[in-house]
Amino acid sequence: MSKINPLEIIEEIYNEHYAYLRNFLMGLTKSDEIADDVIQELFSKILVNPTSVLKVNYMKSWLVKGAKNTLLDHYKKKKPELLKDGNLIETLLIDSHTPEANIVIKNHLETILGTLSTTDKAIILAKEYYGYNYQEIGELLNLPIPTLKSRVFRMRKQMIKKG
């Protein structure tokens, strides 16, 4: 019985899924450099714990989720203008629901988010979806923390009424 070498498996996974991941990331970032950096970072994380790939049932979904999270980490590290670009934020609203559920959720989110200003939309997405804390959001948008807290509270209330 031969022993399974996780590093060889990771190389096979890389070769098989690289083009798909690159196209996926290019669709989100429009940047060759960022897409390549994210893929490199993703596979660096995988190489730290190579046996983790042996437990994965749906490799493409697992890699896409990892790529998305790595991309978000990349943007968090760079403290980008991401929060000021509402379209990019909405593009990153990717989840592992069924296509039908995604359509319903996306329509509901678009309806609710469409009623908010660009700044409010950036605040609520940064806080609720991406997990930024008030300090980080305040630094990115140059807003005081008490103002952010009250806006988030009002938006949550508004969304509950509409939801």
C-alpha atoms as a PDB file:
ATOM      1  CA  MET A   1       0.000   0.000   0.000  1.00  0.00           C
ATOM      2  CA  SER A   2       1.550   3.304  -1.041  1.00  0.00           C
ATOM      3  CA  LYS A   3       1.392   6.339   1.190  1.00  0.00           C
ATOM      4  CA  ILE A   4      -0.494   9.383  -0.137  1.00  0.00           C
ATOM      5  CA  ASN A   5       1.767  12.411  -0.503  1.00  0.00           C
ATOM      6  CA  PRO A   6      -0.294  15.568   0.251  1.00  0.00           C
ATOM      7  CA  LEU A   7       2.238  17.793  -1.513  1.00  0.00           C
ATOM      8  CA  GLU A   8       1.751  15.927  -4.793  1.00  0.00           C
ATOM      9  CA  ILE A   9      -2.001  16.201  -4.350  1.00  0.00           C
ATOM     10  CA  ILE A  10      -1.706  19.956  -3.746  1.00  0.00           C
ATOM     11  CA  GLU A  11       0.358  20.306  -6.923  1.00  0.00           C
ATOM     12  CA  GLU A  12      -2.324  18.413  -8.872  1.00  0.00           C
ATOM     13  CA  ILE A  13      -5.048  20.612  -7.355  1.00  0.00           C
ATOM     14  CA  TYR A  14      -3.073  23.730  -8.256  1.00  0.00           C
ATOM     15  CA  ASN A  15      -2.578  22.596 -11.852  1.00  0.00           C
ATOM     16  CA  GLU A  16      -6.217  21.542 -12.226  1.00  0.00           C
ATOM     17  CA  HIS A  17      -7.855  24.626 -10.657  1.00  0.00           C
ATOM     18  CA  TYR A  18      -5.393  27.469 -11.313  1.00  0.00           C
ATOM     19  CA  ALA A  19      -7.090  28.748 -14.485  1.00  0.00           C
ATOM     20  CA  TYR A  20     -10.543  28.663 -12.896  1.00  0.00           C
ATOM     21  CA  LEU A  21      -9.382  30.485  -9.747  1.00  0.00           C
ATOM     22  CA  ARG A  22      -7.515  33.077 -11.788  1.00  0.00           C
ATOM     23  CA  ASN A  23     -10.591  33.792 -13.947  1.00  0.00           C
ATOM     24  CA  PHE A  24     -12.754  33.970 -10.816  1.00  0.00           C
ATOM     25  CA  LEU A  25     -10.392  36.449  -9.149  1.00  0.00           C
ATOM     26  CA  MET A  26      -9.911  38.459 -12.342  1.00  0.00           C
ATOM     27  CA  GLY A  27     -13.679  38.918 -12.442  1.00  0.00           C
ATOM     28  CA  LEU A  28     -13.564  40.395  -8.955  1.00  0.00           C
ATOM     29  CA  THR A  29     -10.358  42.414  -9.067  1.00  0.00           C
ATOM     30  CA  LYS A  30      -9.718  43.232 -12.749  1.00  0.00           C
ATOM     31  CA  SER A  31      -6.019  42.928 -11.841  1.00  0.00           C
ATOM     32  CA  ASP A  32      -3.612  40.197 -12.963  1.00  0.00           C
ATOM     33  CA  GLU A  33      -1.234  41.057 -10.152  1.00  0.00           C
ATOM     34  CA  ILE A  34      -3.815  40.851  -7.348  1.00  0.00           C
ATOM     35  CA  ALA A  35      -5.311  37.631  -8.755  1.00  0.00           C
ATOM     36  CA  ASP A  36      -1.882  35.995  -8.861  1.00  0.00           C
ATOM     37  CA  ASP A  37      -0.994  37.283  -5.378  1.00  0.00           C
ATOM     38  CA  VAL A  38      -4.219  35.908  -3.925  1.00  0.00           C
ATOM     39  CA  ILE A  39      -3.720  32.491  -5.534  1.00  0.00           C
ATOM     40  CA  GLN A  40      -0.147  32.386  -4.255  1.00  0.00           C
ATOM     41  CA  GLU A  41      -1.285  33.343  -0.757  1.00  0.00           C
ATOM     42  CA  LEU A  42      -4.098  30.784  -0.825  1.00  0.00           C
ATOM     43  CA  PHE A  43      -1.775  27.938  -1.767  1.00  0.00           C
ATOM     44  CA  SER A  44       0.802  29.144   0.769  1.00  0.00           C
ATOM     45  CA  LYS A  45      -1.887  28.766   3.447  1.00  0.00           C
ATOM     46  CA  ILE A  46      -2.736  25.300   2.144  1.00  0.00           C
ATOM     47  CA  LEU A  47       0.939  24.273   2.228  1.00  0.00           C
ATOM     48  CA  VAL A  48       1.153  25.183   5.921  1.00  0.00           C
ATOM     49  CA  ASN A  49      -1.333  22.362   6.617  1.00  0.00           C
ATOM     50  CA  PRO A  50      -1.108  20.079   3.570  1.00  0.00           C
ATOM     51  CA  THR A  51      -3.241  17.289   5.016  1.00  0.00           C
ATOM     52  CA  SER A  52      -6.246  19.639   5.094  1.00  0.00           C
ATOM     53  CA  VAL A  53      -6.879  18.974   1.388  1.00  0.00           C
ATOM     54  CA  LEU A  54      -7.421  15.294   2.114  1.00  0.00           C
ATOM     55  CA  LYS A  55     -10.572  16.162   4.089  1.00  0.00           C
ATOM     56  CA  VAL A  56     -12.190  18.273   1.357  1.00  0.00           C
ATOM     57  CA  ASN A  57     -15.195  16.799  -0.459  1.00  0.00           C
ATOM     58  CA  TYR A  58     -15.895  19.610  -2.949  1.00  0.00           C
ATOM     59  CA  MET A  59     -12.510  20.975  -3.960  1.00  0.00           C
ATOM     60  CA  LYS A  60     -13.620  23.738  -6.373  1.00  0.00           C
ATOM     61  CA  SER A  61     -16.102  25.199  -3.850  1.00  0.00           C
ATOM     62  CA  TRP A  62     -13.528  24.984  -1.084  1.00  0.00           C
ATOM     63  CA  LEU A  63     -10.904  26.755  -3.205  1.00  0.00           C
ATOM     64  CA  VAL A  64     -13.332  29.488  -4.307  1.00  0.00           C
ATOM     65  CA  LYS A  65     -14.303  30.170  -0.698  1.00  0.00           C
ATOM     66  CA  GLY A  66     -10.638  30.220   0.295  1.00  0.00           C
ATOM     67  CA  ALA A  67      -9.804  32.554  -2.607  1.00  0.00           C
ATOM     68  CA  LYS A  68     -12.635  34.905  -1.642  1.00  0.00           C
ATOM     69  CA  ASN A  69     -11.509  34.992   1.992  1.00  0.00           C
ATOM     70  CA  THR A  70      -7.880  35.486   0.991  1.00  0.00           C
ATOM     71  CA  LEU A  71      -8.920  38.347  -1.309  1.00  0.00           C
ATOM     72  CA  LEU A  72     -10.839  39.983   1.531  1.00  0.00           C
ATOM     73  CA  ASP A  73      -7.810  39.574   3.807  1.00  0.00           C
ATOM     74  CA  HIS A  74      -5.679  41.150   1.070  1.00  0.00           C
ATOM     75  CA  TYR A  75      -7.986  44.173   0.930  1.00  0.00           C
ATOM     76  CA  LYS A  76      -8.134  44.453   4.715  1.00  0.00           C
ATOM     77  CA  LYS A  77      -4.333  44.490   4.908  1.00  0.00           C
ATOM     78  CA  LYS A  78      -4.058  47.197   2.292  1.00  0.00           C
ATOM     79  CA  LYS A  79      -6.814  49.353   3.878  1.00  0.00           C
ATOM     80  CA  PRO A  80      -8.076  50.142   0.373  1.00  0.00           C
ATOM     81  CA  GLU A  81     -10.664  52.427  -1.012  1.00  0.00           C
ATOM     82  CA  LEU A  82     -12.802  49.278  -1.160  1.00  0.00           C
ATOM     83  CA  LEU A  83     -15.419  50.625   1.200  1.00  0.00           C
ATOM     84  CA  LYS A  84     -15.970  53.629  -1.041  1.00  0.00           C
ATOM     85  CA  ASP A  85     -16.708  51.464  -4.085  1.00  0.00           C
ATOM     86  CA  GLY A  86     -20.212  50.099  -3.587  1.00  0.00           C
ATOM     87  CA  ASN A  87     -20.195  48.060  -6.801  1.00  0.00           C
ATOM     88  CA  LEU A  88     -17.053  46.164  -5.834  1.00  0.00           C
ATOM     89  CA  ILE A  89     -18.456  45.421  -2.387  1.00  0.00           C
ATOM     90  CA  GLU A  90     -21.673  44.058  -3.873  1.00  0.00           C
ATOM     91  CA  THR A  91     -19.665  41.971  -6.352  1.00  0.00           C
ATOM     92  CA  LEU A  92     -17.937  40.319  -3.405  1.00  0.00           C
ATOM     93  CA  LEU A  93     -21.262  39.223  -1.912  1.00  0.00           C
ATOM     94  CA  ILE A  94     -20.620  35.603  -2.816  1.00  0.00           C
ATOM     95  CA  ASP A  95     -21.937  32.733  -0.756  1.00  0.00           C
ATOM     96  CA  SER A  96     -22.361  29.010  -1.036  1.00  0.00           C
ATOM     97  CA  HIS A  97     -26.165  28.969  -1.366  1.00  0.00           C
ATOM     98  CA  THR A  98     -28.007  27.290  -4.193  1.00  0.00           C
ATOM     99  CA  PRO A  99     -28.426  29.413  -7.348  1.00  0.00           C
ATOM    100  CA  GLU A 100     -32.120  29.905  -6.580  1.00  0.00           C
ATOM    101  CA  ALA A 101     -31.416  31.034  -3.022  1.00  0.00           C
ATOM    102  CA  ASN A 102     -28.654  33.327  -4.301  1.00  0.00           C
ATOM    103  CA  ILE A 103     -31.118  35.083  -6.606  1.00  0.00           C
ATOM    104  CA  VAL A 104     -33.647  35.600  -3.812  1.00  0.00           C
ATOM    105  CA  ILE A 105     -30.991  36.770  -1.349  1.00  0.00           C
ATOM    106  CA  LYS A 106     -29.334  39.042  -3.913  1.00  0.00           C
ATOM    107  CA  ASN A 107     -32.660  40.640  -4.889  1.00  0.00           C
ATOM    108  CA  HIS A 108     -33.569  41.170  -1.235  1.00  0.00           C
ATOM    109  CA  LEU A 109     -30.133  42.624  -0.457  1.00  0.00           C
ATOM    110  CA  GLU A 110     -30.213  44.881  -3.509  1.00  0.00           C
ATOM    111  CA  THR A 111     -33.633  46.176  -2.496  1.00  0.00           C
ATOM    112  CA  ILE A 112     -32.560  46.929   1.058  1.00  0.00           C
ATOM    113  CA  LEU A 113     -29.094  48.230   0.168  1.00  0.00           C
ATOM    114  CA  GLY A 114     -30.555  50.301  -2.661  1.00  0.00           C
ATOM    115  CA  THR A 115     -32.363  52.452  -0.117  1.00  0.00           C
ATOM    116  CA  LEU A 116     -29.109  53.356   1.650  1.00  0.00           C
ATOM    117  CA  SER A 117     -26.601  56.039   0.761  1.00  0.00           C
ATOM    118  CA  THR A 118     -23.222  54.897  -0.565  1.00  0.00           C
ATOM    119  CA  THR A 119     -21.570  55.636   2.785  1.00  0.00           C
ATOM    120  CA  ASP A 120     -24.273  53.843   4.784  1.00  0.00           C
ATOM    121  CA  LYS A 121     -24.070  50.868   2.427  1.00  0.00           C
ATOM    122  CA  ALA A 122     -20.287  50.723   2.889  1.00  0.00           C
ATOM    123  CA  ILE A 123     -20.648  50.973   6.669  1.00  0.00           C
ATOM    124  CA  ILE A 124     -23.239  48.213   7.028  1.00  0.00           C
ATOM    125  CA  LEU A 125     -21.456  45.836   4.642  1.00  0.00           C
ATOM    126  CA  ALA A 126     -18.103  46.439   6.313  1.00  0.00           C
ATOM    127  CA  LYS A 127     -19.575  45.855   9.758  1.00  0.00           C
ATOM    128  CA  GLU A 128     -22.044  43.034   9.165  1.00  0.00           C
ATOM    129  CA  TYR A 129     -20.639  41.119   6.199  1.00  0.00           C
ATOM    130  CA  TYR A 130     -16.875  41.639   6.274  1.00  0.00           C
ATOM    131  CA  GLY A 131     -16.439  41.846  10.035  1.00  0.00           C
ATOM    132  CA  TYR A 132     -14.600  45.147  10.243  1.00  0.00           C
ATOM    133  CA  ASN A 133     -14.743  46.724  13.691  1.00  0.00           C
ATOM    134  CA  TYR A 134     -15.880  50.301  14.318  1.00  0.00           C
ATOM    135  CA  GLN A 135     -12.284  51.513  14.695  1.00  0.00           C
ATOM    136  CA  GLU A 136     -11.286  50.156  11.262  1.00  0.00           C
ATOM    137  CA  ILE A 137     -14.382  51.541   9.556  1.00  0.00           C
ATOM    138  CA  GLY A 138     -13.865  54.904  11.246  1.00  0.00           C
ATOM    139  CA  GLU A 139     -10.286  55.082   9.976  1.00  0.00           C
ATOM    140  CA  LEU A 140     -11.272  54.108   6.434  1.00  0.00           C
ATOM    141  CA  LEU A 141     -14.174  56.544   6.165  1.00  0.00           C
ATOM    142  CA  ASN A 142     -12.872  59.269   8.489  1.00  0.00           C
ATOM    143  CA  LEU A 143     -15.952  59.084  10.712  1.00  0.00           C
ATOM    144  CA  PRO A 144     -16.111  59.170  14.512  1.00  0.00           C
ATOM    145  CA  ILE A 145     -16.980  55.863  16.206  1.00  0.00           C
ATOM    146  CA  PRO A 146     -20.119  57.168  17.998  1.00  0.00           C
ATOM    147  CA  THR A 147     -21.487  58.331  14.630  1.00  0.00           C
ATOM    148  CA  LEU A 148     -20.812  54.923  13.118  1.00  0.00           C
ATOM    149  CA  LYS A 149     -22.521  53.129  15.996  1.00  0.00           C
ATOM    150  CA  SER A 150     -25.660  55.221  15.741  1.00  0.00           C
ATOM    151  CA  ARG A 151     -25.800  54.827  11.937  1.00  0.00           C
ATOM    152  CA  VAL A 152     -25.420  51.044  12.203  1.00  0.00           C
ATOM    153  CA  PHE A 153     -28.146  50.924  14.851  1.00  0.00           C
ATOM    154  CA  ARG A 154     -30.539  52.971  12.665  1.00  0.00           C
ATOM    155  CA  MET A 155     -29.762  50.902   9.557  1.00  0.00           C
ATOM    156  CA  ARG A 156     -30.345  47.633  11.414  1.00  0.00           C
ATOM    157  CA  LYS A 157     -33.682  48.937  12.606  1.00  0.00           C
ATOM    158  CA  GLN A 158     -34.569  50.051   9.077  1.00  0.00           C
ATOM    159  CA  MET A 159     -33.601  46.671   7.601  1.00  0.00           C
ATOM    160  CA  ILE A 160     -35.659  44.766  10.155  1.00  0.00           C
ATOM    161  CA  LYS A 161     -38.718  46.824   9.213  1.00  0.00           C
ATOM    162  CA  LYS A 162     -38.154  46.171   5.478  1.00  0.00           C
ATOM    163  CA  GLY A 163     -37.092  42.541   5.905  1.00  0.00           C
END
